[in-house]
C-alpha atoms as a PDB file:
ATOM      1  CA  ASP A   1     109.499  95.069 104.990  1.00  0.00           C
ATOM      2  CA  CYS A   2     110.991  96.299 108.275  1.00  0.00           C
ATOM      3  CA  LEU A   3     108.719  94.056 110.347  1.00  0.00           C
ATOM      4  CA  HIS A   4     109.854  90.916 108.529  1.00  0.00           C
ATOM      5  CA  ALA A   5     113.490  92.030 108.891  1.00  0.00           C
ATOM      6  CA  LEU A   6     112.951  92.547 112.639  1.00  0.00           C
ATOM      7  CA  ASP A   7     111.357  89.105 112.905  1.00  0.00           C
ATOM      8  CA  GLY A   8     114.400  87.612 111.153  1.00  0.00           C
ATOM      9  CA  GLY A   9     116.777  88.743 113.901  1.00  0.00           C
ATOM     10  CA  PRO A  10     119.730  91.127 114.006  1.00  0.00           C
ATOM     11  CA  GLU A  11     121.642  89.485 111.133  1.00  0.00           C
ATOM     12  CA  CYS A  12     118.618  89.619 108.822  1.00  0.00           C
ATOM     13  CA  PHE A  13     117.841  93.197 109.832  1.00  0.00           C
ATOM     14  CA  HIS A  14     121.377  94.469 109.187  1.00  0.00           C
ATOM     15  CA  ASP A  15     121.573  92.428 105.984  1.00  0.00           C
ATOM     16  CA  THR A  16     118.458  94.260 104.779  1.00  0.00           C
ATOM     17  CA  GLY A  17     120.234  97.579 105.309  1.00  0.00           C
ATOM     18  CA  ARG A  18     123.309  96.370 103.418  1.00  0.00           C
ATOM     19  CA  ALA A  19     121.130  95.069 100.568  1.00  0.00           C
ATOM     20  CA  LEU A  20     119.406  98.444 100.247  1.00  0.00           C
ATOM     21  CA  GLN A  21     122.780 100.165 100.033  1.00  0.00           C
ATOM     22  CA  GLN A  22     123.900  97.791  97.263  1.00  0.00           C
ATOM     23  CA  ILE A  23     120.650  98.282  95.351  1.00  0.00           C
ATOM     24  CA  ILE A  24     120.789 102.073  95.551  1.00  0.00           C
ATOM     25  CA  GLN A  25     124.306 102.055  94.069  1.00  0.00           C
ATOM     26  CA  SER A  26     123.196 100.098  90.999  1.00  0.00           C
ATOM     27  CA  PHE A  27     120.994 102.792  89.426  1.00  0.00           C
ATOM     28  CA  SER A  28     121.738 105.701  87.095  1.00  0.00           C
ATOM     29  CA  TYR A  29     120.715 108.983  88.662  1.00  0.00           C
ATOM     30  CA  GLY A  30     119.848 112.494  87.572  1.00  0.00           C
ATOM     31  CA  ASN A  31     117.678 114.359  85.132  1.00  0.00           C
ATOM     32  CA  GLY A  32     118.143 114.129  81.410  1.00  0.00           C
ATOM     33  CA  ASN A  33     116.694 115.544  78.235  1.00  0.00           C
ATOM     34  CA  LEU A  34     113.766 113.953  76.419  1.00  0.00           C
ATOM     35  CA  LEU A  35     115.909 111.574  74.321  1.00  0.00           C
ATOM     36  CA  GLU A  36     117.873 110.404  77.347  1.00  0.00           C
ATOM     37  CA  ARG A  37     114.640 109.757  79.211  1.00  0.00           C
ATOM     38  CA  LEU A  38     113.424 107.531  76.370  1.00  0.00           C
ATOM     39  CA  PHE A  39     116.619 105.564  75.747  1.00  0.00           C
ATOM     40  CA  ARG A  40     118.645 105.859  78.966  1.00  0.00           C
ATOM     41  CA  PRO A  41     116.182 106.377  81.796  1.00  0.00           C
ATOM     42  CA  ARG A  42     117.570 107.814  85.003  1.00  0.00           C
ATOM     43  CA  ILE A  43     116.161 108.010  88.482  1.00  0.00           C
ATOM     44  CA  ASP A  44     115.409 111.462  89.845  1.00  0.00           C
ATOM     45  CA  ARG A  45     113.512 110.346  92.973  1.00  0.00           C
ATOM     46  CA  VAL A  46     113.856 107.525  95.457  1.00  0.00           C
ATOM     47  CA  LEU A  47     111.207 106.546  97.963  1.00  0.00           C
ATOM     48  CA  PHE A  48     112.187 104.267 100.824  1.00  0.00           C
ATOM     49  CA  ALA A  49     108.950 102.704 102.029  1.00  0.00           C
ATOM     50  CA  ALA A  50     108.337 100.701 105.190  1.00  0.00           C
ATOM     51  CA  SER A  51     105.487  98.441 104.171  1.00  0.00           C
ATOM     52  CA  LYS A  52     102.844  96.792 106.334  1.00  0.00           C
ATOM     53  CA  ALA A  53     102.098  99.907 108.380  1.00  0.00           C
ATOM     54  CA  ASP A  54      98.615  98.411 108.719  1.00  0.00           C
ATOM     55  CA  HIS A  55     100.128  95.678 110.927  1.00  0.00           C
ATOM     56  CA  LEU A  56     100.797  98.318 113.598  1.00  0.00           C
ATOM     57  CA  LEU A  57      98.648 100.760 115.528  1.00  0.00           C
ATOM     58  CA  PRO A  58      98.717 104.254 113.983  1.00  0.00           C
ATOM     59  CA  GLU A  59     100.701 105.661 116.918  1.00  0.00           C
ATOM     60  CA  GLN A  60     103.542 103.258 115.983  1.00  0.00           C
ATOM     61  CA  HIS A  61     103.843 104.564 112.399  1.00  0.00           C
ATOM     62  CA  ASP A  62     106.264 107.301 113.499  1.00  0.00           C
ATOM     63  CA  ASN A  63     108.515 104.676 115.111  1.00  0.00           C
ATOM     64  CA  LEU A  64     108.397 102.562 111.936  1.00  0.00           C
ATOM     65  CA  LEU A  65     109.309 105.623 109.868  1.00  0.00           C
ATOM     66  CA  SER A  66     112.143 106.560 112.215  1.00  0.00           C
ATOM     67  CA  LEU A  67     113.478 102.998 112.161  1.00  0.00           C
ATOM     68  CA  LEU A  68     113.413 102.998 108.356  1.00  0.00           C
ATOM     69  CA  GLN A  69     115.239 106.337 108.262  1.00  0.00           C
ATOM     70  CA  ASP A  70     117.987 104.893 110.474  1.00  0.00           C
ATOM     71  CA  LEU A  71     118.176 101.741 108.345  1.00  0.00           C
ATOM     72  CA  VAL A  72     118.551 103.610 105.032  1.00  0.00           C
ATOM     73  CA  LYS A  73     120.705 106.495 106.270  1.00  0.00           C
ATOM     74  CA  GLY A  74     123.665 105.421 104.114  1.00  0.00           C
ATOM     75  CA  SER A  75     121.510 104.700 101.065  1.00  0.00           C
ATOM     76  CA  ALA A  76     119.745 108.052 101.354  1.00  0.00           C
ATOM     77  CA  ALA A  77     123.145 109.764 101.535  1.00  0.00           C
ATOM     78  CA  VAL A  78     124.151 108.117  98.235  1.00  0.00           C
ATOM     79  CA  ALA A  79     120.926 109.329  96.608  1.00  0.00           C
ATOM     80  CA  HIS A  80     121.422 112.840  97.994  1.00  0.00           C
ATOM     81  CA  PHE A  81     125.032 112.888  96.747  1.00  0.00           C
ATOM     82  CA  GLU A  82     123.754 111.995  93.274  1.00  0.00           C
ATOM     83  CA  GLY A  83     121.346 114.973  93.413  1.00  0.00           C
ATOM     84  CA  VAL A  84     118.242 112.827  93.731  1.00  0.00           C
ATOM     85  CA  SER A  85     115.240 113.725  95.855  1.00  0.00           C
ATOM     86  CA  SER A  86     114.514 111.033  98.414  1.00  0.00           C
ATOM     87  CA  ASP A  87     111.933 110.494 101.106  1.00  0.00           C
ATOM     88  CA  CYS A  88     110.862 107.816 103.571  1.00  0.00           C
ATOM     89  CA  MET A  89     107.284 106.747 104.304  1.00  0.00           C
ATOM     90  CA  ALA A  90     105.489 104.145 106.361  1.00  0.00           C
ATOM     91  CA  LEU A  91     102.670 102.799 104.198  1.00  0.00           C
ATOM     92  CA  ALA A  92     100.432  99.884 103.319  1.00  0.00           C
ATOM     93  CA  SER A  93      99.494  99.279  99.703  1.00  0.00           C
ATOM     94  CA  VAL A  94      96.407  97.392 100.857  1.00  0.00           C
ATOM     95  CA  ALA A  95      95.289  97.870 104.471  1.00  0.00           C
ATOM     96  CA  ALA A  96      94.489  94.428 105.867  1.00  0.00           C
ATOM     97  CA  THR A  97      93.440  95.608 109.340  1.00  0.00           C
ATOM     98  CA  GLU A  98      91.339  98.185 111.092  1.00  0.00           C
ATOM     99  CA  VAL A  99      91.747  99.756 114.510  1.00  0.00           C
ATOM    100  CA  ALA A 100      89.321  98.224 116.994  1.00  0.00           C
ATOM    101  CA  ARG A 101      88.729  97.795 120.722  1.00  0.00           C
ATOM    102  CA  GLY A 102      88.499  94.582 122.664  1.00  0.00           C
ATOM    103  CA  LYS A 103      88.633  93.286 126.217  1.00  0.00           C
ATOM    104  CA  ALA A 104      91.585  91.451 127.688  1.00  0.00           C
ATOM    105  CA  ASP A 105      91.611  90.503 131.379  1.00  0.00           C
ATOM    106  CA  GLY A 106      88.565  92.730 131.897  1.00  0.00           C
ATOM    107  CA  GLU A 107      90.317  95.800 130.498  1.00  0.00           C
ATOM    108  CA  LEU A 108      89.200  97.565 127.296  1.00  0.00           C
ATOM    109  CA  LEU A 109      92.201  97.795 124.960  1.00  0.00           C
ATOM    110  CA  ARG A 110      92.863  99.275 121.547  1.00  0.00           C
ATOM    111  CA  GLY A 111      94.175  96.882 118.904  1.00  0.00           C
ATOM    112  CA  LEU A 112      93.982  95.710 115.312  1.00  0.00           C
ATOM    113  CA  ARG A 113      91.231  93.588 113.823  1.00  0.00           C
ATOM    114  CA  GLY A 114      91.871  91.457 110.769  1.00  0.00           C
ATOM    115  CA  HIS A 115      92.396  87.902 109.592  1.00  0.00           C
ATOM    116  CA  SER A 116      95.554  85.841 109.870  1.00  0.00           C
ATOM    117  CA  ILE A 117      97.144  84.422 106.732  1.00  0.00           C
ATOM    118  CA  ASN A 118      95.211  81.155 107.312  1.00  0.00           C
ATOM    119  CA  GLY A 119      91.894  83.024 107.708  1.00  0.00           C
ATOM    120  CA  GLN A 120      91.514  83.055 111.491  1.00  0.00           C
ATOM    121  CA  ALA A 121      89.838  86.226 112.841  1.00  0.00           C
ATOM    122  CA  LEU A 122      92.265  88.178 115.032  1.00  0.00           C
ATOM    123  CA  LEU A 123      92.006  91.088 117.429  1.00  0.00           C
ATOM    124  CA  ILE A 124      95.500  91.822 118.685  1.00  0.00           C
ATOM    125  CA  HIS A 125      97.542  94.534 120.329  1.00  0.00           C
ATOM    126  CA  PRO A 126     100.741  94.470 118.257  1.00  0.00           C
ATOM    127  CA  GLN A 127     104.075  94.912 119.951  1.00  0.00           C
ATOM    128  CA  ASP A 128     105.861  98.230 119.630  1.00  0.00           C
ATOM    129  CA  VAL A 129     108.457  98.936 116.971  1.00  0.00           C
ATOM    130  CA  PRO A 130     111.766 100.424 118.102  1.00  0.00           C
ATOM    131  CA  ALA A 131     112.206 104.019 116.934  1.00  0.00           C
ATOM    132  CA  ARG A 132     115.935 103.513 116.294  1.00  0.00           C
ATOM    133  CA  LEU A 133     118.166 100.654 115.235  1.00  0.00           C
ATOM    134  CA  PRO A 134     117.563  98.001 117.900  1.00  0.00           C
ATOM    135  CA  SER A 135     120.135  97.466 120.608  1.00  0.00           C
ATOM    136  CA  GLN A 136     121.485  94.039 121.478  1.00  0.00           C
ATOM    137  CA  GLU A 137     119.301  94.163 124.614  1.00  0.00           C
ATOM    138  CA  TRP A 138     116.159  94.700 122.494  1.00  0.00           C
ATOM    139  CA  TRP A 139     117.003  91.638 120.407  1.00  0.00           C
ATOM    140  CA  SER A 140     117.678  89.464 123.468  1.00  0.00           C
ATOM    141  CA  THR A 141     114.518  90.461 125.373  1.00  0.00           C
ATOM    142  CA  ARG A 142     112.154  90.226 122.407  1.00  0.00           C
ATOM    143  CA  SER A 143     109.657  87.455 122.999  1.00  0.00           C
ATOM    144  CA  GLU A 144     107.558  87.156 119.866  1.00  0.00           C
ATOM    145  CA  GLY A 145     107.272  88.283 116.262  1.00  0.00           C
ATOM    146  CA  TYR A 146     104.725  90.460 114.531  1.00  0.00           C
ATOM    147  CA  ASP A 147     101.392  89.075 113.377  1.00  0.00           C
ATOM    148  CA  TYR A 148     100.778  88.998 109.629  1.00  0.00           C
ATOM    149  CA  PHE A 149      97.357  89.622 108.158  1.00  0.00           C
ATOM    150  CA  ARG A 150      95.523  88.566 105.020  1.00  0.00           C
ATOM    151  CA  PRO A 151      94.041  91.420 102.954  1.00  0.00           C
ATOM    152  CA  GLN A 152      90.336  92.036 103.441  1.00  0.00           C
ATOM    153  CA  ALA A 153      87.809  90.845 100.883  1.00  0.00           C
ATOM    154  CA  MET A 154      87.324  93.625  98.370  1.00  0.00           C
ATOM    155  CA  GLU A 155      83.999  95.128  97.401  1.00  0.00           C
ATOM    156  CA  HIS A 156      83.713  96.232  93.773  1.00  0.00           C
ATOM    157  CA  SER A 157      82.083  99.556  94.605  1.00  0.00           C
ATOM    158  CA  ARG A 158      84.714 100.637  97.177  1.00  0.00           C
ATOM    159  CA  PRO A 159      88.333 101.608  96.622  1.00  0.00           C
ATOM    160  CA  MET A 160      90.979  99.427  98.240  1.00  0.00           C
ATOM    161  CA  PRO A 161      91.857 100.682 101.707  1.00  0.00           C
ATOM    162  CA  HIS A 162      95.478 101.785 101.937  1.00  0.00           C
ATOM    163  CA  ILE A 163      97.805 103.846 104.086  1.00  0.00           C
ATOM    164  CA  ARG A 164      99.689 106.686 102.368  1.00  0.00           C
ATOM    165  CA  MET A 165      99.794 105.165  98.866  1.00  0.00           C
ATOM    166  CA  ASP A 166      98.378 108.432  97.535  1.00  0.00           C
ATOM    167  CA  ALA A 167     101.272 110.353  99.141  1.00  0.00           C
ATOM    168  CA  ALA A 168     103.798 107.859  97.749  1.00  0.00           C
ATOM    169  CA  LEU A 169     102.411 108.187  94.224  1.00  0.00           C
ATOM    170  CA  GLU A 170     102.316 111.961  94.513  1.00  0.00           C
ATOM    171  CA  PHE A 171     105.981 112.022  95.554  1.00  0.00           C
ATOM    172  CA  LEU A 172     107.098 109.644  92.808  1.00  0.00           C
ATOM    173  CA  LEU A 173     104.871 110.689  89.896  1.00  0.00           C
ATOM    174  CA  GLY A 174     103.061 113.891  90.824  1.00  0.00           C
ATOM    175  CA  ASP A 175     104.811 116.444  88.626  1.00  0.00           C
ATOM    176  CA  LYS A 176     105.220 113.939  85.768  1.00  0.00           C
ATOM    177  CA  LEU A 177     101.441 113.786  85.326  1.00  0.00           C
ATOM    178  CA  ARG A 178     100.841 117.535  85.268  1.00  0.00           C
END
């Protein structure tokens, strides 16, 4: 959750990167034969996912992805060294917002519509995400955190709205189901 790590400040953000590096070093990597897959499973793909892409406008997804790529650069290098395919994606397992327009100070603006964690209806223009690891100046001039949204009420006849979960599943499981 890159947004939560950004909200936590520089120590939290860099700690997240260090934690990912420790986690990635704890797995067994590589392909194996059928018996090894049953009794000693190994990882042959790693997906680094920046969640809560629905908490940002779509034009900020590239920045979120770029930030994640910078954050996991060392971890991705470990995976690559082990011969594992890796990728990064900005996604939302359940999209809690929708892009909408609203007026602020007489000007029509694009933003996100959803409900806060406590149920309050929101129409906001979320702040931008830095495309690279934030500088000390970015941290010191930052005024507020990101808004967090409650998932929408689900209708039984409609699939859950998401952002790129299909691409994530295809990357992780696609050839295993063929």
